[in-house]
Amino acid sequence: MAPTWALVLFGLLIERYNEINGTSVRTVGEIWPNLQLYISGGVALSS
């Protein structure tokens, strides 16, 4: 997905996970530990 929307989705994912589980995870990797590949499109990835 586009990086601009990934930032939004990842932020909501972390917030929701902590809300449901009463935890304080700070990264997507703690929720999806097998995440391996991010494919970017729409806007420049470098930024």
All heavy atoms as atom14 arrays in JSON, in Angstrom:
{
  "sequence": "MAPTWALVLFGLLIERYNEINGTSVRTVGEIWPNLQLYISGGVALSS",
  "atom14_mask": [
    [1, 1, 1, 1, 1, 1, 1, 1, 0, 0, 0, 0, 0, 0],
    [1, 1, 1, 1, 1, 0, 0, 0, 0, 0, 0, 0, 0, 0],
    [1, 1, 1, 1, 1, 1, 1, 0, 0, 0, 0, 0, 0, 0],
    [1, 1, 1, 1, 1, 1, 1, 0, 0, 0, 0, 0, 0, 0],
    [1, 1, 1, 1, 1, 1, 1, 1, 1, 1, 1, 1, 1, 1],
    [1, 1, 1, 1, 1, 0, 0, 0, 0, 0, 0, 0, 0, 0],
    [1, 1, 1, 1, 1, 1, 1, 1, 0, 0, 0, 0, 0, 0],
    [1, 1, 1, 1, 1, 1, 1, 0, 0, 0, 0, 0, 0, 0],
    [1, 1, 1, 1, 1, 1, 1, 1, 0, 0, 0, 0, 0, 0],
    [1, 1, 1, 1, 1, 1, 1, 1, 1, 1, 1, 0, 0, 0],
    [1, 1, 1, 1, 0, 0, 0, 0, 0, 0, 0, 0, 0, 0],
    [1, 1, 1, 1, 1, 1, 1, 1, 0, 0, 0, 0, 0, 0],
    [1, 1, 1, 1, 1, 1, 1, 1, 0, 0, 0, 0, 0, 0],
    [1, 1, 1, 1, 1, 1, 1, 1, 0, 0, 0, 0, 0, 0],
    [1, 1, 1, 1, 1, 1, 1, 1, 1, 0, 0, 0, 0, 0],
    [1, 1, 1, 1, 1, 1, 1, 1, 1, 1, 1, 0, 0, 0],
    [1, 1, 1, 1, 1, 1, 1, 1, 1, 1, 1, 1, 0, 0],
    [1, 1, 1, 1, 1, 1, 1, 1, 0, 0, 0, 0, 0, 0],
    [1, 1, 1, 1, 1, 1, 1, 1, 1, 0, 0, 0, 0, 0],
    [1, 1, 1, 1, 1, 1, 1, 1, 0, 0, 0, 0, 0, 0],
    [1, 1, 1, 1, 1, 1, 1, 1, 0, 0, 0, 0, 0, 0],
    [1, 1, 1, 1, 0, 0, 0, 0, 0, 0, 0, 0, 0, 0],
    [1, 1, 1, 1, 1, 1, 1, 0, 0, 0, 0, 0, 0, 0],
    [1, 1, 1, 1, 1, 1, 0, 0, 0, 0, 0, 0, 0, 0],
    [1, 1, 1, 1, 1, 1, 1, 0, 0, 0, 0, 0, 0, 0],
    [1, 1, 1, 1, 1, 1, 1, 1, 1, 1, 1, 0, 0, 0],
    [1, 1, 1, 1, 1, 1, 1, 0, 0, 0, 0, 0, 0, 0],
    [1, 1, 1, 1, 1, 1, 1, 0, 0, 0, 0, 0, 0, 0],
    [1, 1, 1, 1, 0, 0, 0, 0, 0, 0, 0, 0, 0, 0],
    [1, 1, 1, 1, 1, 1, 1, 1, 1, 0, 0, 0, 0, 0],
    [1, 1, 1, 1, 1, 1, 1, 1, 0, 0, 0, 0, 0, 0],
    [1, 1, 1, 1, 1, 1, 1, 1, 1, 1, 1, 1, 1, 1],
    [1, 1, 1, 1, 1, 1, 1, 0, 0, 0, 0, 0, 0, 0],
    [1, 1, 1, 1, 1, 1, 1, 1, 0, 0, 0, 0, 0, 0],
    [1, 1, 1, 1, 1, 1, 1, 1, 0, 0, 0, 0, 0, 0],
    [1, 1, 1, 1, 1, 1, 1, 1, 1, 0, 0, 0, 0, 0],
    [1, 1, 1, 1, 1, 1, 1, 1, 0, 0, 0, 0, 0, 0],
    [1, 1, 1, 1, 1, 1, 1, 1, 1, 1, 1, 1, 0, 0],
    [1, 1, 1, 1, 1, 1, 1, 1, 0, 0, 0, 0, 0, 0],
    [1, 1, 1, 1, 1, 1, 0, 0, 0, 0, 0, 0, 0, 0],
    [1, 1, 1, 1, 0, 0, 0, 0, 0, 0, 0, 0, 0, 0],
    [1, 1, 1, 1, 0, 0, 0, 0, 0, 0, 0, 0, 0, 0],
    [1, 1, 1, 1, 1, 1, 1, 0, 0, 0, 0, 0, 0, 0],
    [1, 1, 1, 1, 1, 0, 0, 0, 0, 0, 0, 0, 0, 0],
    [1, 1, 1, 1, 1, 1, 1, 1, 0, 0, 0, 0, 0, 0],
    [1, 1, 1, 1, 1, 1, 0, 0, 0, 0, 0, 0, 0, 0],
    [1, 1, 1, 1, 1, 1, 0, 0, 0, 0, 0, 0, 0, 0]
  ],
  "atom14_positions": [
    [[0.85, -1.19, 0.0], [0.0, 0.0, 0.0], [0.88, 1.24, 0.0], [2.09, 1.17, 0.2], [-0.95, 0.01, 1.2], [-0.29, 0.1, 2.54], [-1.47, -0.02, 3.93], [-2.08, -1.7, 3.75], [0.0, 0.0, 0.0], [0.0, 0.0, 0.0], [0.0, 0.0, 0.0], [0.0, 0.0, 0.0], [0.0, 0.0, 0.0], [0.0, 0.0, 0.0]],
    [[0.27, 2.39, -0.22], [0.99, 3.65, -0.18], [1.5, 3.92, 1.23], [0.77, 3.67, 2.21], [0.09, 4.8, -0.64], [0.0, 0.0, 0.0], [0.0, 0.0, 0.0], [0.0, 0.0, 0.0], [0.0, 0.0, 0.0], [0.0, 0.0, 0.0], [0.0, 0.0, 0.0], [0.0, 0.0, 0.0], [0.0, 0.0, 0.0], [0.0, 0.0, 0.0]],
    [[2.72, 4.4, 1.39], [3.27, 4.65, 2.72], [2.42, 5.58, 3.57], [2.33, 5.4, 4.79], [4.65, 5.27, 2.43], [5.01, 4.77, 1.07], [3.71, 4.66, 0.32], [0.0, 0.0, 0.0], [0.0, 0.0, 0.0], [0.0, 0.0, 0.0], [0.0, 0.0, 0.0], [0.0, 0.0, 0.0], [0.0, 0.0, 0.0], [0.0, 0.0, 0.0]],
    [[1.81, 6.58, 2.96], [0.99, 7.52, 3.73], [-0.14, 6.79, 4.46], [-0.44, 7.11, 5.62], [0.4, 8.59, 2.8], [-0.12, 7.95, 1.62], [1.46, 9.59, 2.38], [0.0, 0.0, 0.0], [0.0, 0.0, 0.0], [0.0, 0.0, 0.0], [0.0, 0.0, 0.0], [0.0, 0.0, 0.0], [0.0, 0.0, 0.0], [0.0, 0.0, 0.0]],
    [[-0.76, 5.82, 3.79], [-1.86, 5.09, 4.41], [-1.36, 3.98, 5.31], [-2.02, 3.62, 6.29], [-2.81, 4.55, 3.36], [-3.6, 5.63, 2.71], [-3.58, 6.0, 1.4], [-4.5, 6.55, 3.35], [-4.42, 7.06, 1.18], [-4.99, 7.41, 2.36], [-4.94, 6.71, 4.66], [-5.91, 8.43, 2.64], [-5.84, 7.72, 4.95], [-6.31, 8.56, 3.96]],
    [[-0.17, 3.43, 5.02], [0.4, 2.42, 5.91], [0.65, 3.0, 7.29], [0.4, 2.35, 8.32], [1.7, 1.87, 5.32], [0.0, 0.0, 0.0], [0.0, 0.0, 0.0], [0.0, 0.0, 0.0], [0.0, 0.0, 0.0], [0.0, 0.0, 0.0], [0.0, 0.0, 0.0], [0.0, 0.0, 0.0], [0.0, 0.0, 0.0], [0.0, 0.0, 0.0]],
    [[1.15, 4.23, 7.34], [1.41, 4.87, 8.64], [0.12, 4.99, 9.45], [0.1, 4.76, 10.66], [2.03, 6.25, 8.42], [3.44, 6.28, 7.86], [3.86, 7.72, 7.57], [4.43, 5.62, 8.8], [0.0, 0.0, 0.0], [0.0, 0.0, 0.0], [0.0, 0.0, 0.0], [0.0, 0.0, 0.0], [0.0, 0.0, 0.0], [0.0, 0.0, 0.0]],
    [[-0.96, 5.35, 8.77], [-2.25, 5.48, 9.45], [-2.74, 4.11, 9.92], [-3.13, 3.93, 11.09], [-3.29, 6.12, 8.51], [-4.68, 6.1, 9.14], [-2.89, 7.54, 8.16], [0.0, 0.0, 0.0], [0.0, 0.0, 0.0], [0.0, 0.0, 0.0], [0.0, 0.0, 0.0], [0.0, 0.0, 0.0], [0.0, 0.0, 0.0], [0.0, 0.0, 0.0]],
    [[-2.73, 3.13, 9.03], [-3.23, 1.8, 9.37], [-2.41, 1.17, 10.48], [-2.95, 0.58, 11.42], [-3.23, 0.91, 8.13], [-3.89, -0.46, 8.3], [-4.66, -0.83, 7.03], [-2.88, -1.56, 8.6], [0.0, 0.0, 0.0], [0.0, 0.0, 0.0], [0.0, 0.0, 0.0], [0.0, 0.0, 0.0], [0.0, 0.0, 0.0], [0.0, 0.0, 0.0]],
    [[-1.08, 1.28, 10.41], [-0.22, 0.69, 11.44], [-0.47, 1.33, 12.8], [-0.48, 0.66, 13.83], [1.24, 0.84, 11.06], [1.67, -0.02, 9.89], [2.86, 0.23, 9.22], [0.89, -1.09, 9.46], [3.26, -0.55, 8.15], [1.28, -1.88, 8.38], [2.47, -1.61, 7.73], [0.0, 0.0, 0.0], [0.0, 0.0, 0.0], [0.0, 0.0, 0.0]],
    [[-0.67, 2.65, 12.8], [-0.96, 3.33, 14.06], [-2.25, 2.84, 14.68], [-2.33, 2.59, 15.9], [0.0, 0.0, 0.0], [0.0, 0.0, 0.0], [0.0, 0.0, 0.0], [0.0, 0.0, 0.0], [0.0, 0.0, 0.0], [0.0, 0.0, 0.0], [0.0, 0.0, 0.0], [0.0, 0.0, 0.0], [0.0, 0.0, 0.0], [0.0, 0.0, 0.0]],
    [[-3.29, 2.67, 13.86], [-4.57, 2.17, 14.35], [-4.45, 0.71, 14.8], [-5.09, 0.3, 15.78], [-5.64, 2.29, 13.26], [-6.08, 3.71, 12.9], [-6.99, 3.69, 11.68], [-6.79, 4.38, 14.08], [0.0, 0.0, 0.0], [0.0, 0.0, 0.0], [0.0, 0.0, 0.0], [0.0, 0.0, 0.0], [0.0, 0.0, 0.0], [0.0, 0.0, 0.0]],
    [[-3.65, -0.07, 14.09], [-3.46, -1.47, 14.45], [-2.85, -1.6, 15.85], [-3.32, -2.38, 16.69], [-2.53, -2.14, 13.42], [-2.21, -3.61, 13.65], [-3.38, -4.49, 13.24], [-0.95, -4.01, 12.88], [0.0, 0.0, 0.0], [0.0, 0.0, 0.0], [0.0, 0.0, 0.0], [0.0, 0.0, 0.0], [0.0, 0.0, 0.0], [0.0, 0.0, 0.0]],
    [[-1.81, -0.83, 16.1], [-1.14, -0.87, 17.41], [-2.1, -0.4, 18.51], [-2.21, -1.02, 19.58], [0.13, 0.0, 17.38], [1.17, -0.62, 16.43], [0.72, 0.17, 18.78], [2.34, 0.29, 16.11], [0.0, 0.0, 0.0], [0.0, 0.0, 0.0], [0.0, 0.0, 0.0], [0.0, 0.0, 0.0], [0.0, 0.0, 0.0], [0.0, 0.0, 0.0]],
    [[-2.82, 0.67, 18.22], [-3.77, 1.21, 19.21], [-4.86, 0.2, 19.54], [-5.2, -0.02, 20.71], [-4.37, 2.49, 18.64], [-5.38, 3.18, 19.53], [-5.96, 4.42, 18.87], [-5.18, 5.24, 18.34], [-7.2, 4.55, 18.87], [0.0, 0.0, 0.0], [0.0, 0.0, 0.0], [0.0, 0.0, 0.0], [0.0, 0.0, 0.0], [0.0, 0.0, 0.0]],
    [[-5.41, -0.45, 18.52], [-6.49, -1.41, 18.71], [-6.0, -2.66, 19.44], [-6.69, -3.19, 20.33], [-7.08, -1.79, 17.35], [-8.25, -2.76, 17.4], [-9.44, -2.14, 18.08], [-10.63, -2.98, 17.94], [-11.65, -2.96, 18.76], [-11.64, -2.16, 19.82], [-12.69, -3.74, 18.56], [0.0, 0.0, 0.0], [0.0, 0.0, 0.0], [0.0, 0.0, 0.0]],
    [[-4.83, -3.14, 19.09], [-4.26, -4.32, 19.73], [-4.08, -4.07, 21.24], [-4.43, -4.92, 22.07], [-2.92, -4.67, 19.09], [-2.3, -5.95, 19.6], [-2.59, -7.17, 19.01], [-1.42, -5.94, 20.68], [-2.03, -8.35, 19.47], [-0.85, -7.12, 21.16], [-1.15, -8.31, 20.55], [-0.59, -9.47, 21.01], [0.0, 0.0, 0.0], [0.0, 0.0, 0.0]],
    [[-3.55, -2.91, 21.57], [-3.34, -2.59, 22.99], [-4.66, -2.43, 23.72], [-4.81, -2.82, 24.89], [-2.51, -1.32, 23.11], [-1.05, -1.54, 22.76], [-0.52, -2.64, 22.91], [-0.38, -0.5, 22.27], [0.0, 0.0, 0.0], [0.0, 0.0, 0.0], [0.0, 0.0, 0.0], [0.0, 0.0, 0.0], [0.0, 0.0, 0.0], [0.0, 0.0, 0.0]],
    [[-5.65, -1.86, 23.04], [-6.96, -1.66, 23.65], [-7.62, -3.01, 23.99], [-8.18, -3.19, 25.07], [-7.85, -0.87, 22.68], [-9.28, -0.66, 23.16], [-10.15, -0.02, 22.09], [-9.6, 0.67, 21.21], [-11.38, -0.25, 22.12], [0.0, 0.0, 0.0], [0.0, 0.0, 0.0], [0.0, 0.0, 0.0], [0.0, 0.0, 0.0], [0.0, 0.0, 0.0]],
    [[-7.53, -3.96, 23.08], [-8.17, -5.27, 23.28], [-7.42, -6.12, 24.29], [-8.02, -6.79, 25.14], [-8.28, -6.01, 21.93], [-9.29, -5.32, 21.02], [-8.67, -7.47, 22.15], [-9.37, -5.91, 19.63], [0.0, 0.0, 0.0], [0.0, 0.0, 0.0], [0.0, 0.0, 0.0], [0.0, 0.0, 0.0], [0.0, 0.0, 0.0], [0.0, 0.0, 0.0]],
    [[-6.09, -6.08, 24.23], [-5.28, -7.0, 25.04], [-4.72, -6.38, 26.32], [-4.07, -7.07, 27.1], [-4.12, -7.54, 24.19], [-4.61, -8.37, 23.03], [-5.08, -9.49, 23.21], [-4.51, -7.83, 21.83], [0.0, 0.0, 0.0], [0.0, 0.0, 0.0], [0.0, 0.0, 0.0], [0.0, 0.0, 0.0], [0.0, 0.0, 0.0], [0.0, 0.0, 0.0]],
    [[-4.96, -5.1, 26.51], [-4.44, -4.45, 27.71], [-2.92, -4.42, 27.74], [-2.31, -4.48, 28.81], [0.0, 0.0, 0.0], [0.0, 0.0, 0.0], [0.0, 0.0, 0.0], [0.0, 0.0, 0.0], [0.0, 0.0, 0.0], [0.0, 0.0, 0.0], [0.0, 0.0, 0.0], [0.0, 0.0, 0.0], [0.0, 0.0, 0.0], [0.0, 0.0, 0.0]],
    [[-2.31, -4.34, 26.56], [-0.84, -4.36, 26.45], [-0.33, -2.98, 26.08], [-1.09, -2.02, 25.95], [-0.4, -5.38, 25.39], [-1.1, -5.1, 24.16], [-0.73, -6.8, 25.83], [0.0, 0.0, 0.0], [0.0, 0.0, 0.0], [0.0, 0.0, 0.0], [0.0, 0.0, 0.0], [0.0, 0.0, 0.0], [0.0, 0.0, 0.0], [0.0, 0.0, 0.0]],
    [[0.96, -2.88, 25.88], [1.57, -1.6, 25.47], [2.6, -1.84, 24.38], [3.72, -1.34, 24.45], [2.21, -0.91, 26.68], [3.16, -1.77, 27.3], [0.0, 0.0, 0.0], [0.0, 0.0, 0.0], [0.0, 0.0, 0.0], [0.0, 0.0, 0.0], [0.0, 0.0, 0.0], [0.0, 0.0, 0.0], [0.0, 0.0, 0.0], [0.0, 0.0, 0.0]],
    [[2.23, -2.67, 23.37], [3.15, -2.89, 22.26], [3.35, -1.58, 21.51], [2.45, -0.74, 21.45], [2.66, -4.0, 21.31], [2.38, -5.29, 22.07], [1.42, -3.56, 20.54], [0.0, 0.0, 0.0], [0.0, 0.0, 0.0], [0.0, 0.0, 0.0], [0.0, 0.0, 0.0], [0.0, 0.0, 0.0], [0.0, 0.0, 0.0], [0.0, 0.0, 0.0]],
    [[4.52, -1.44, 20.91], [4.84, -0.18, 20.25], [5.12, -0.35, 18.76], [5.27, 0.63, 18.04], [6.06, 0.45, 20.92], [5.85, 0.75, 22.4], [7.08, 1.38, 23.01], [7.4, 2.65, 22.4], [8.49, 3.37, 22.7], [9.36, 2.91, 23.58], [8.71, 4.52, 22.09], [0.0, 0.0, 0.0], [0.0, 0.0, 0.0], [0.0, 0.0, 0.0]],
    [[5.21, -1.61, 18.3], [5.55, -1.83, 16.9], [4.6, -2.85, 16.26], [4.01, -3.7, 16.94], [6.99, -2.36, 16.75], [7.08, -3.66, 17.34], [7.98, -1.41, 17.4], [0.0, 0.0, 0.0], [0.0, 0.0, 0.0], [0.0, 0.0, 0.0], [0.0, 0.0, 0.0], [0.0, 0.0, 0.0], [0.0, 0.0, 0.0], [0.0, 0.0, 0.0]],
    [[4.51, -2.76, 14.95], [3.7, -3.72, 14.18], [4.29, -5.12, 14.28], [3.57, -6.11, 14.31], [3.64, -3.27, 12.71], [2.98, -4.33, 11.84], [2.9, -1.94, 12.58], [0.0, 0.0, 0.0], [0.0, 0.0, 0.0], [0.0, 0.0, 0.0], [0.0, 0.0, 0.0], [0.0, 0.0, 0.0], [0.0, 0.0, 0.0], [0.0, 0.0, 0.0]],
    [[5.62, -5.2, 14.37], [6.29, -6.49, 14.44], [5.9, -7.31, 15.67], [6.01, -8.54, 15.65], [0.0, 0.0, 0.0], [0.0, 0.0, 0.0], [0.0, 0.0, 0.0], [0.0, 0.0, 0.0], [0.0, 0.0, 0.0], [0.0, 0.0, 0.0], [0.0, 0.0, 0.0], [0.0, 0.0, 0.0], [0.0, 0.0, 0.0], [0.0, 0.0, 0.0]],
    [[5.46, -6.65, 16.71], [5.01, -7.38, 17.89], [3.64, -8.0, 17.66], [3.25, -8.92, 18.4], [4.96, -6.42, 19.08], [6.34, -5.89, 19.5], [6.24, -4.82, 20.57], [6.07, -5.17, 21.75], [6.32, -3.62, 20.22], [0.0, 0.0, 0.0], [0.0, 0.0, 0.0], [0.0, 0.0, 0.0], [0.0, 0.0, 0.0], [0.0, 0.0, 0.0]],
    [[2.9, -7.51, 16.68], [1.58, -8.04, 16.36], [1.68, -9.03, 15.21], [1.04, -10.09, 15.23], [0.63, -6.87, 16.0], [0.58, -5.87, 17.16], [-0.77, -7.4, 15.67], [-0.13, -4.57, 16.79], [0.0, 0.0, 0.0], [0.0, 0.0, 0.0], [0.0, 0.0, 0.0], [0.0, 0.0, 0.0], [0.0, 0.0, 0.0], [0.0, 0.0, 0.0]],
    [[2.47, -8.67, 14.2], [2.7, -9.54, 13.05], [4.18, -9.92, 13.0], [4.95, -9.37, 12.21], [2.31, -8.84, 11.75], [0.86, -8.47, 11.63], [-0.21, -9.06, 12.22], [0.32, -7.4, 10.82], [-1.38, -8.46, 11.86], [-1.1, -7.43, 10.99], [0.87, -6.44, 9.99], [-1.93, -6.52, 10.36], [0.05, -5.54, 9.35], [-1.34, -5.58, 9.53]],
    [[4.63, -10.83, 13.83], [6.07, -11.12, 13.92], [6.66, -11.74, 12.67], [7.88, -11.71, 12.48], [6.15, -12.1, 15.1], [4.78, -12.71, 15.2], [3.83, -11.64, 14.78], [0.0, 0.0, 0.0], [0.0, 0.0, 0.0], [0.0, 0.0, 0.0], [0.0, 0.0, 0.0], [0.0, 0.0, 0.0], [0.0, 0.0, 0.0], [0.0, 0.0, 0.0]],
    [[5.82, -12.3, 11.79], [6.33, -12.93, 10.56], [6.27, -12.0, 9.35], [6.54, -12.42, 8.22], [5.54, -14.2, 10.25], [5.76, -15.28, 11.29], [6.87, -15.49, 11.74], [4.68, -15.94, 11.68], [0.0, 0.0, 0.0], [0.0, 0.0, 0.0], [0.0, 0.0, 0.0], [0.0, 0.0, 0.0], [0.0, 0.0, 0.0], [0.0, 0.0, 0.0]],
    [[5.92, -10.74, 9.58], [5.9, -9.77, 8.49], [7.29, -9.68, 7.86], [8.28, -9.45, 8.56], [5.44, -8.41, 9.0], [5.25, -7.3, 7.95], [4.19, -7.69, 6.93], [4.88, -5.98, 8.63], [0.0, 0.0, 0.0], [0.0, 0.0, 0.0], [0.0, 0.0, 0.0], [0.0, 0.0, 0.0], [0.0, 0.0, 0.0], [0.0, 0.0, 0.0]],
    [[7.36, -9.84, 6.56], [8.65, -9.93, 5.87], [8.84, -8.87, 4.8], [9.94, -8.38, 4.59], [8.78, -11.32, 5.22], [10.04, -11.56, 4.4], [11.27, -11.73, 5.24], [11.27, -12.52, 6.17], [12.33, -10.98, 4.93], [0.0, 0.0, 0.0], [0.0, 0.0, 0.0], [0.0, 0.0, 0.0], [0.0, 0.0, 0.0], [0.0, 0.0, 0.0]],
    [[7.75, -8.51, 4.1], [7.88, -7.68, 2.9], [6.87, -6.55, 2.9], [5.69, -6.77, 3.16], [7.68, -8.56, 1.65], [7.65, -7.85, 0.29], [8.99, -7.16, 0.0], [7.3, -8.85, -0.81], [0.0, 0.0, 0.0], [0.0, 0.0, 0.0], [0.0, 0.0, 0.0], [0.0, 0.0, 0.0], [0.0, 0.0, 0.0], [0.0, 0.0, 0.0]],
    [[7.35, -5.35, 2.6], [6.48, -4.19, 2.39], [6.7, -3.71, 0.96], [7.83, -3.38, 0.57], [6.8, -3.07, 3.39], [5.95, -1.85, 3.15], [4.69, -1.73, 3.73], [6.38, -0.82, 2.32], [3.89, -0.63, 3.49], [5.59, 0.29, 2.07], [4.35, 0.38, 2.65], [3.55, 1.47, 2.4], [0.0, 0.0, 0.0], [0.0, 0.0, 0.0]],
    [[5.62, -3.66, 0.18], [5.68, -3.17, -1.19], [5.02, -1.8, -1.24], [3.86, -1.65, -0.86], [4.99, -4.14, -2.17], [5.67, -5.5, -2.12], [5.03, -3.58, -3.59], [4.97, -6.56, -2.97], [0.0, 0.0, 0.0], [0.0, 0.0, 0.0], [0.0, 0.0, 0.0], [0.0, 0.0, 0.0], [0.0, 0.0, 0.0], [0.0, 0.0, 0.0]],
    [[5.77, -0.82, -1.7], [5.31, 0.57, -1.68], [4.92, 1.02, -3.08], [5.53, 0.65, -4.07], [6.43, 1.47, -1.15], [6.07, 2.83, -1.28], [0.0, 0.0, 0.0], [0.0, 0.0, 0.0], [0.0, 0.0, 0.0], [0.0, 0.0, 0.0], [0.0, 0.0, 0.0], [0.0, 0.0, 0.0], [0.0, 0.0, 0.0], [0.0, 0.0, 0.0]],
    [[3.89, 1.84, -3.15], [3.47, 2.46, -4.41], [2.68, 3.71, -4.12], [2.24, 3.93, -2.99], [0.0, 0.0, 0.0], [0.0, 0.0, 0.0], [0.0, 0.0, 0.0], [0.0, 0.0, 0.0], [0.0, 0.0, 0.0], [0.0, 0.0, 0.0], [0.0, 0.0, 0.0], [0.0, 0.0, 0.0], [0.0, 0.0, 0.0], [0.0, 0.0, 0.0]],
    [[2.5, 4.54, -5.13], [1.67, 5.73, -4.96], [2.47, 6.98, -4.66], [2.26, 8.02, -5.27], [0.0, 0.0, 0.0], [0.0, 0.0, 0.0], [0.0, 0.0, 0.0], [0.0, 0.0, 0.0], [0.0, 0.0, 0.0], [0.0, 0.0, 0.0], [0.0, 0.0, 0.0], [0.0, 0.0, 0.0], [0.0, 0.0, 0.0], [0.0, 0.0, 0.0]],
    [[3.36, 6.92, -3.7], [4.26, 8.03, -3.37], [5.66, 7.45, -3.14], [5.81, 6.25, -2.93], [3.79, 8.81, -2.13], [2.45, 9.47, -2.36], [3.73, 7.92, -0.9], [0.0, 0.0, 0.0], [0.0, 0.0, 0.0], [0.0, 0.0, 0.0], [0.0, 0.0, 0.0], [0.0, 0.0, 0.0], [0.0, 0.0, 0.0], [0.0, 0.0, 0.0]],
    [[6.66, 8.32, -3.2], [8.04, 7.86, -3.09], [8.29, 7.22, -1.72], [7.99, 7.8, -0.68], [9.0, 9.02, -3.3], [0.0, 0.0, 0.0], [0.0, 0.0, 0.0], [0.0, 0.0, 0.0], [0.0, 0.0, 0.0], [0.0, 0.0, 0.0], [0.0, 0.0, 0.0], [0.0, 0.0, 0.0], [0.0, 0.0, 0.0], [0.0, 0.0, 0.0]],
    [[8.86, 6.03, -1.74], [9.15, 5.31, -0.51], [10.25, 6.0, 0.31], [10.22, 5.95, 1.54], [9.58, 3.88, -0.84], [10.07, 3.0, 0.31], [8.98, 2.79, 1.36], [10.56, 1.65, -0.21], [0.0, 0.0, 0.0], [0.0, 0.0, 0.0], [0.0, 0.0, 0.0], [0.0, 0.0, 0.0], [0.0, 0.0, 0.0], [0.0, 0.0, 0.0]],
    [[11.2, 6.63, -0.37], [12.37, 7.16, 0.33], [12.02, 8.12, 1.45], [12.69, 8.16, 2.48], [13.31, 7.87, -0.67], [12.64, 8.95, -1.31], [0.0, 0.0, 0.0], [0.0, 0.0, 0.0], [0.0, 0.0, 0.0], [0.0, 0.0, 0.0], [0.0, 0.0, 0.0], [0.0, 0.0, 0.0], [0.0, 0.0, 0.0], [0.0, 0.0, 0.0]],
    [[10.94, 8.88, 1.26], [10.56, 9.86, 2.28], [9.93, 9.23, 3.52], [9.8, 9.88, 4.54], [9.57, 10.88, 1.68], [10.14, 11.56, 0.59], [0.0, 0.0, 0.0], [0.0, 0.0, 0.0], [0.0, 0.0, 0.0], [0.0, 0.0, 0.0], [0.0, 0.0, 0.0], [0.0, 0.0, 0.0], [0.0, 0.0, 0.0], [0.0, 0.0, 0.0]]
  ]
}
